[in-house]
Structures are given as C-alpha cells and as structure tokens.
Amino acid sequence: MNTRHLCLVAALLVAAAPATAAEWAVDPAKSAIKFSGVQVGATFIGRFERFDAKVDFDPAKPEAGHAVVLVDLASARTGDVQRDEALPQKDWFDLKSANQARFEATRFVDKGHGDYEAVGTLTMLGTSRPLTLPFQLTLDRGQAHATGHVGLVRTDFGVGQGPWASGQWVGLDVGVDIDLVATTLPAPGEGG
C-alpha cells in the first residue's frame, strides 16, 4: 500500500546518497531503505529488504555524478501480515506487471555543509516522475554515510487502486528514508 511506495522511494534515496570520489559500493548489510505511511490514522513503517545501487560521485564535481538504484518491490516488509500480503497485489505494487522501482540520479547538487540533492527520475509501475532527494553526506577514510528523506504521493505512481485510491483508509503521502553506507571502489589498474 503506502508502504510499498515508501520503500521504493527509500531505496532510490539510498542509491543516490553515496559519494566521495568515483565509484562507490553500497553495503546492503549496513544500509536501509525505509518507508512510512498512515493507515486508519496509525503510522506504520516498512523497509525494502533487497535493493541494488550503482553510484558514481565526486564531491569536487557533484554535477557530474550519476546513480541508479533498483528496488525489489517484492521485498517490502512492514511487520503486519495482512498489509504485507496485500502489497504485491494488483491494487498496490502489482508485482505481476512490474516488480522493480528505479531511481536514476543524473546529477548531484552541493547545498553546503554536507547537504546534497540527488536530482533525477523515479520510475514505478510504468510511471516516471522527476524526483529530487535531499540527503546529508559524511565522508571518512574511503567510507561514505548518506541519510535522507523524501515525501511522495503514492497515487502519482498508481500505487493504491480502487477503494484505496481516495486516501480514506491509507494516506496518500508516503515518506521514504535512506540510510546508506558505501566504500570507494579502486580505480581500474589499482590493486584491491
């Protein structure tokens, strides 16, 4: 439901966040893409258990950066059995049609003091929309830690059909949070 959409966005944010010198390898064991929403007045939080991210980023030239984050929508988990069983169905993530969300950042913008924006496109359920993901980045000895949050309207991507499209039972606004840890990959020709 809202949870799926949030997870998707979260995954995209994570992929866009890492940065420091060229190519970065995201550590899924230390990283998370989470989503949150409201169902019948109560907030819920979920996560995407599987995602893949390819990130090229140099803080000295953020505008030349590029990232692609792929999120496995089937890996969305909220801890609620009924909600988790509904998410793959046609009214929500419609996994029979598309099982992956994709965020592609075509550039990064340095906002100062470790704050950045990943500017790109989120594609989900056959719908693509521009998305800017704000995140904070810290770099320490070849390791990057990026955290960020972005809000989405799930129905912009067709998530929540039929009676779920109104927002009466499940809110239309979804939050996506990323917490990503990555390390630099050696340049071609370097050892490692």
C-alpha atoms as a PDB file:
ATOM      1  CA  MET A   1       0.000   0.000   0.000  1.00  0.00           C
ATOM      2  CA  ASN A   2       1.577   3.272   1.105  1.00  0.00           C
ATOM      3  CA  THR A   3       4.319   1.141   2.493  1.00  0.00           C
ATOM      4  CA  ARG A   4       5.394  -0.151  -0.886  1.00  0.00           C
ATOM      5  CA  HIS A   5       5.629   3.249  -2.350  1.00  0.00           C
ATOM      6  CA  LEU A   6       7.676   4.444   0.602  1.00  0.00           C
ATOM      7  CA  CYS A   7      10.029   1.529   0.350  1.00  0.00           C
ATOM      8  CA  LEU A   8      10.587   2.260  -3.273  1.00  0.00           C
ATOM      9  CA  VAL A   9      11.405   5.853  -2.686  1.00  0.00           C
ATOM     10  CA  ALA A  10      13.627   4.911   0.189  1.00  0.00           C
ATOM     11  CA  ALA A  11      15.608   2.605  -2.000  1.00  0.00           C
ATOM     12  CA  LEU A  12      16.080   5.322  -4.574  1.00  0.00           C
ATOM     13  CA  LEU A  13      17.318   7.728  -1.975  1.00  0.00           C
ATOM     14  CA  VAL A  14      19.887   5.304  -0.719  1.00  0.00           C
ATOM     15  CA  ALA A  15      21.355   4.775  -4.122  1.00  0.00           C
ATOM     16  CA  ALA A  16      21.731   8.462  -4.751  1.00  0.00           C
ATOM     17  CA  ALA A  17      23.376   9.286  -1.448  1.00  0.00           C
ATOM     18  CA  PRO A  18      26.864   7.767  -1.509  1.00  0.00           C
ATOM     19  CA  ALA A  19      29.672   9.951  -2.679  1.00  0.00           C
ATOM     20  CA  THR A  20      33.311  10.984  -2.463  1.00  0.00           C
ATOM     21  CA  ALA A  21      35.407  10.124  -5.396  1.00  0.00           C
ATOM     22  CA  ALA A  22      34.259   7.994  -8.221  1.00  0.00           C
ATOM     23  CA  GLU A  23      32.585   4.668  -7.987  1.00  0.00           C
ATOM     24  CA  TRP A  24      31.055   3.589  -4.690  1.00  0.00           C
ATOM     25  CA  ALA A  25      29.997   0.141  -3.490  1.00  0.00           C
ATOM     26  CA  VAL A  26      26.922   0.230  -1.248  1.00  0.00           C
ATOM     27  CA  ASP A  27      26.980  -2.208   1.682  1.00  0.00           C
ATOM     28  CA  PRO A  28      23.410  -3.613   1.927  1.00  0.00           C
ATOM     29  CA  ALA A  29      24.126  -5.142   5.351  1.00  0.00           C
ATOM     30  CA  LYS A  30      24.835  -1.671   6.784  1.00  0.00           C
ATOM     31  CA  SER A  31      22.269   0.223   4.693  1.00  0.00           C
ATOM     32  CA  ALA A  32      18.495   0.590   4.777  1.00  0.00           C
ATOM     33  CA  ILE A  33      15.679   1.960   2.665  1.00  0.00           C
ATOM     34  CA  LYS A  34      12.562   2.521   4.747  1.00  0.00           C
ATOM     35  CA  PHE A  35       9.117   3.899   4.060  1.00  0.00           C
ATOM     36  CA  SER A  36       6.316   5.194   6.245  1.00  0.00           C
ATOM     37  CA  GLY A  37       2.660   5.966   5.883  1.00  0.00           C
ATOM     38  CA  VAL A  38      -0.622   6.251   7.747  1.00  0.00           C
ATOM     39  CA  GLN A  39      -3.308   3.566   7.732  1.00  0.00           C
ATOM     40  CA  VAL A  40      -6.612   4.212   9.513  1.00  0.00           C
ATOM     41  CA  GLY A  41      -4.990   7.020  11.486  1.00  0.00           C
ATOM     42  CA  ALA A  42      -1.979   4.988  12.686  1.00  0.00           C
ATOM     43  CA  THR A  43       1.561   5.467  11.383  1.00  0.00           C
ATOM     44  CA  PHE A  44       3.372   2.407  10.052  1.00  0.00           C
ATOM     45  CA  ILE A  45       6.991   1.911   8.995  1.00  0.00           C
ATOM     46  CA  GLY A  46       8.325  -0.596   6.496  1.00  0.00           C
ATOM     47  CA  ARG A  47      11.529  -1.415   4.649  1.00  0.00           C
ATOM     48  CA  PHE A  48      12.768  -2.876   1.402  1.00  0.00           C
ATOM     49  CA  GLU A  49      14.904  -5.892   2.134  1.00  0.00           C
ATOM     50  CA  ARG A  50      16.517  -6.068  -1.328  1.00  0.00           C
ATOM     51  CA  PHE A  51      17.923  -3.249  -3.428  1.00  0.00           C
ATOM     52  CA  ASP A  52      20.928  -2.613  -5.645  1.00  0.00           C
ATOM     53  CA  ALA A  53      22.710   0.684  -6.177  1.00  0.00           C
ATOM     54  CA  LYS A  54      25.440   1.860  -8.540  1.00  0.00           C
ATOM     55  CA  VAL A  55      26.820   5.251  -7.568  1.00  0.00           C
ATOM     56  CA  ASP A  56      29.463   7.460  -9.203  1.00  0.00           C
ATOM     57  CA  PHE A  57      30.097  10.625  -7.220  1.00  0.00           C
ATOM     58  CA  ASP A  58      32.927  13.092  -6.684  1.00  0.00           C
ATOM     59  CA  PRO A  59      32.226  15.809  -4.089  1.00  0.00           C
ATOM     60  CA  ALA A  60      34.532  18.131  -6.026  1.00  0.00           C
ATOM     61  CA  LYS A  61      32.270  17.760  -9.118  1.00  0.00           C
ATOM     62  CA  PRO A  62      28.834  16.685  -7.864  1.00  0.00           C
ATOM     63  CA  GLU A  63      27.113  17.893 -11.032  1.00  0.00           C
ATOM     64  CA  ALA A  64      28.927  15.139 -12.957  1.00  0.00           C
ATOM     65  CA  GLY A  65      27.670  12.385 -10.646  1.00  0.00           C
ATOM     66  CA  HIS A  66      25.293   9.605 -11.594  1.00  0.00           C
ATOM     67  CA  ALA A  67      23.431   6.914  -9.639  1.00  0.00           C
ATOM     68  CA  VAL A  68      20.994   4.130 -10.386  1.00  0.00           C
ATOM     69  CA  VAL A  69      19.052   2.469  -7.578  1.00  0.00           C
ATOM     70  CA  LEU A  70      16.921  -0.592  -8.217  1.00  0.00           C
ATOM     71  CA  VAL A  71      14.473  -1.637  -5.516  1.00  0.00           C
ATOM     72  CA  ASP A  72      12.836  -5.062  -5.371  1.00  0.00           C
ATOM     73  CA  LEU A  73       9.196  -4.223  -4.602  1.00  0.00           C
ATOM     74  CA  ALA A  74       8.517  -7.825  -3.594  1.00  0.00           C
ATOM     75  CA  SER A  75      10.910  -7.334  -0.657  1.00  0.00           C
ATOM     76  CA  ALA A  76       8.694  -4.712   1.069  1.00  0.00           C
ATOM     77  CA  ARG A  77       8.014  -5.637   4.701  1.00  0.00           C
ATOM     78  CA  THR A  78       6.026  -3.763   7.348  1.00  0.00           C
ATOM     79  CA  GLY A  79       5.681  -6.363  10.094  1.00  0.00           C
ATOM     80  CA  ASP A  80       1.908  -6.604   9.543  1.00  0.00           C
ATOM     81  CA  VAL A  81       0.904  -9.882   7.848  1.00  0.00           C
ATOM     82  CA  GLN A  82      -2.273  -8.538   6.241  1.00  0.00           C
ATOM     83  CA  ARG A  83      -0.547  -5.432   4.867  1.00  0.00           C
ATOM     84  CA  ASP A  84       2.470  -7.411   3.636  1.00  0.00           C
ATOM     85  CA  GLU A  85       0.202  -9.886   1.821  1.00  0.00           C
ATOM     86  CA  ALA A  86      -1.717  -7.023   0.170  1.00  0.00           C
ATOM     87  CA  LEU A  87       1.320  -5.103  -1.102  1.00  0.00           C
ATOM     88  CA  PRO A  88       2.196  -7.453  -4.012  1.00  0.00           C
ATOM     89  CA  GLN A  89      -1.413  -7.471  -5.257  1.00  0.00           C
ATOM     90  CA  LYS A  90      -2.796  -5.548  -8.233  1.00  0.00           C
ATOM     91  CA  ASP A  91      -4.266  -2.708  -6.148  1.00  0.00           C
ATOM     92  CA  TRP A  92      -0.840  -1.867  -4.674  1.00  0.00           C
ATOM     93  CA  PHE A  93       2.530  -2.864  -6.189  1.00  0.00           C
ATOM     94  CA  ASP A  94       1.030  -5.063  -8.904  1.00  0.00           C
ATOM     95  CA  LEU A  95       4.086  -7.323  -8.987  1.00  0.00           C
ATOM     96  CA  LYS A  96       2.736  -9.296 -11.956  1.00  0.00           C
ATOM     97  CA  SER A  97       3.195  -6.157 -14.079  1.00  0.00           C
ATOM     98  CA  ALA A  98       6.433  -4.748 -12.637  1.00  0.00           C
ATOM     99  CA  ASN A  99       8.475  -5.909  -9.667  1.00  0.00           C
ATOM    100  CA  GLN A 100      11.082  -3.181  -9.530  1.00  0.00           C
ATOM    101  CA  ALA A 101      11.298   0.515  -8.813  1.00  0.00           C
ATOM    102  CA  ARG A 102      14.125   2.520 -10.371  1.00  0.00           C
ATOM    103  CA  PHE A 103      15.616   5.817  -9.313  1.00  0.00           C
ATOM    104  CA  GLU A 104      18.185   7.372 -11.627  1.00  0.00           C
ATOM    105  CA  ALA A 105      20.015  10.463 -10.444  1.00  0.00           C
ATOM    106  CA  THR A 106      21.585  12.337 -13.352  1.00  0.00           C
ATOM    107  CA  ARG A 107      23.366  14.906 -11.169  1.00  0.00           C
ATOM    108  CA  PHE A 108      24.006  15.943  -7.597  1.00  0.00           C
ATOM    109  CA  VAL A 109      23.791  19.457  -6.179  1.00  0.00           C
ATOM    110  CA  ASP A 110      26.031  20.607  -3.313  1.00  0.00           C
ATOM    111  CA  LYS A 111      23.885  22.647  -0.895  1.00  0.00           C
ATOM    112  CA  GLY A 112      26.784  23.243   1.533  1.00  0.00           C
ATOM    113  CA  HIS A 113      27.698  21.855   4.968  1.00  0.00           C
ATOM    114  CA  GLY A 114      27.448  18.217   3.825  1.00  0.00           C
ATOM    115  CA  ASP A 115      23.949  18.657   2.398  1.00  0.00           C
ATOM    116  CA  TYR A 116      23.283  17.476  -1.164  1.00  0.00           C
ATOM    117  CA  GLU A 117      20.422  16.816  -3.534  1.00  0.00           C
ATOM    118  CA  ALA A 118      20.197  13.895  -5.941  1.00  0.00           C
ATOM    119  CA  VAL A 119      18.251  15.124  -8.968  1.00  0.00           C
ATOM    120  CA  GLY A 120      16.696  12.516 -11.211  1.00  0.00           C
ATOM    121  CA  THR A 121      13.694  10.374 -12.071  1.00  0.00           C
ATOM    122  CA  LEU A 122      11.742   7.757 -10.146  1.00  0.00           C
ATOM    123  CA  THR A 123      10.035   5.065 -12.207  1.00  0.00           C
ATOM    124  CA  MET A 124       7.484   2.752 -10.655  1.00  0.00           C
ATOM    125  CA  LEU A 125       4.572   0.747 -12.054  1.00  0.00           C
ATOM    126  CA  GLY A 126       5.277   2.140 -15.523  1.00  0.00           C
ATOM    127  CA  THR A 127       5.118   5.773 -14.399  1.00  0.00           C
ATOM    128  CA  SER A 128       8.168   8.071 -14.363  1.00  0.00           C
ATOM    129  CA  ARG A 129       8.280  11.364 -12.464  1.00  0.00           C
ATOM    130  CA  PRO A 130      11.039  13.841 -11.603  1.00  0.00           C
ATOM    131  CA  LEU A 131      12.363  13.398  -8.078  1.00  0.00           C
ATOM    132  CA  THR A 132      14.845  15.392  -6.016  1.00  0.00           C
ATOM    133  CA  LEU A 133      16.190  13.548  -2.991  1.00  0.00           C
ATOM    134  CA  PRO A 134      17.830  15.698  -0.308  1.00  0.00           C
ATOM    135  CA  PHE A 135      20.480  13.900   1.745  1.00  0.00           C
ATOM    136  CA  GLN A 136      23.317  14.553   4.164  1.00  0.00           C
ATOM    137  CA  LEU A 137      26.698  13.022   3.452  1.00  0.00           C
ATOM    138  CA  THR A 138      29.696  12.378   5.670  1.00  0.00           C
ATOM    139  CA  LEU A 139      32.972  11.029   4.315  1.00  0.00           C
ATOM    140  CA  ASP A 140      35.621   9.355   6.415  1.00  0.00           C
ATOM    141  CA  ARG A 141      38.656   7.436   5.116  1.00  0.00           C
ATOM    142  CA  GLY A 142      37.073   5.984   1.986  1.00  0.00           C
ATOM    143  CA  GLN A 143      33.667   5.404   3.548  1.00  0.00           C
ATOM    144  CA  ALA A 144      30.530   7.412   2.849  1.00  0.00           C
ATOM    145  CA  HIS A 145      27.430   7.604   5.029  1.00  0.00           C
ATOM    146  CA  ALA A 146      24.341   9.180   3.493  1.00  0.00           C
ATOM    147  CA  THR A 147      20.996   9.774   5.145  1.00  0.00           C
ATOM    148  CA  GLY A 148      17.993  11.392   3.537  1.00  0.00           C
ATOM    149  CA  HIS A 149      14.232  11.748   3.457  1.00  0.00           C
ATOM    150  CA  VAL A 150      11.760  12.473   0.680  1.00  0.00           C
ATOM    151  CA  GLY A 151       7.982  12.611   0.586  1.00  0.00           C
ATOM    152  CA  LEU A 152       5.886  11.088  -2.194  1.00  0.00           C
ATOM    153  CA  VAL A 153       2.245  10.917  -3.142  1.00  0.00           C
ATOM    154  CA  ARG A 154       1.633   7.224  -3.819  1.00  0.00           C
ATOM    155  CA  THR A 155      -1.152   7.768  -6.335  1.00  0.00           C
ATOM    156  CA  ASP A 156       1.255   9.745  -8.561  1.00  0.00           C
ATOM    157  CA  PHE A 157       2.731   6.305  -9.350  1.00  0.00           C
ATOM    158  CA  GLY A 158      -0.535   4.354  -9.416  1.00  0.00           C
ATOM    159  CA  VAL A 159       0.015   2.766  -6.001  1.00  0.00           C
ATOM    160  CA  GLY A 160      -3.354   2.145  -4.363  1.00  0.00           C
ATOM    161  CA  GLN A 161      -6.143   1.410  -6.837  1.00  0.00           C
ATOM    162  CA  GLY A 162      -9.896   1.012  -6.454  1.00  0.00           C
ATOM    163  CA  PRO A 163     -11.115   1.825  -2.946  1.00  0.00           C
ATOM    164  CA  TRP A 164      -7.521   2.573  -1.874  1.00  0.00           C
ATOM    165  CA  ALA A 165      -7.091   5.492  -4.275  1.00  0.00           C
ATOM    166  CA  SER A 166      -9.013   8.016  -2.153  1.00  0.00           C
ATOM    167  CA  GLY A 167      -6.738   8.091   0.874  1.00  0.00           C
ATOM    168  CA  GLN A 168      -9.688   7.389   3.176  1.00  0.00           C
ATOM    169  CA  TRP A 169      -8.100   4.299   4.761  1.00  0.00           C
ATOM    170  CA  VAL A 170      -4.473   4.615   3.720  1.00  0.00           C
ATOM    171  CA  GLY A 171      -2.969   8.099   3.464  1.00  0.00           C
ATOM    172  CA  LEU A 172      -1.741   9.320   0.085  1.00  0.00           C
ATOM    173  CA  ASP A 173       1.512  10.748   1.484  1.00  0.00           C
ATOM    174  CA  VAL A 174       4.416   8.354   1.893  1.00  0.00           C
ATOM    175  CA  GLY A 175       7.814   9.074   3.399  1.00  0.00           C
ATOM    176  CA  VAL A 176      10.982   7.396   2.185  1.00  0.00           C
ATOM    177  CA  ASP A 177      14.113   7.362   4.315  1.00  0.00           C
ATOM    178  CA  ILE A 178      17.550   6.210   3.270  1.00  0.00           C
ATOM    179  CA  ASP A 179      20.491   5.311   5.450  1.00  0.00           C
ATOM    180  CA  LEU A 180      23.308   4.215   3.201  1.00  0.00           C
ATOM    181  CA  VAL A 181      26.892   3.153   3.847  1.00  0.00           C
ATOM    182  CA  ALA A 182      29.284   2.805   0.902  1.00  0.00           C
ATOM    183  CA  THR A 183      33.006   2.439   0.270  1.00  0.00           C
ATOM    184  CA  THR A 184      35.049   3.593  -2.699  1.00  0.00           C
ATOM    185  CA  LEU A 185      35.983   1.045  -5.320  1.00  0.00           C
ATOM    186  CA  PRO A 186      39.570   1.012  -6.575  1.00  0.00           C
ATOM    187  CA  ALA A 187      40.064   2.742  -9.901  1.00  0.00           C
ATOM    188  CA  PRO A 188      40.893   0.491 -12.861  1.00  0.00           C
ATOM    189  CA  GLY A 189      44.507  -0.546 -12.658  1.00  0.00           C
ATOM    190  CA  GLU A 190      44.678  -0.091  -8.887  1.00  0.00           C
ATOM    191  CA  GLY A 191      45.053  -3.047  -6.562  1.00  0.00           C
ATOM    192  CA  GLY A 192      42.321  -4.117  -4.186  1.00  0.00           C
END
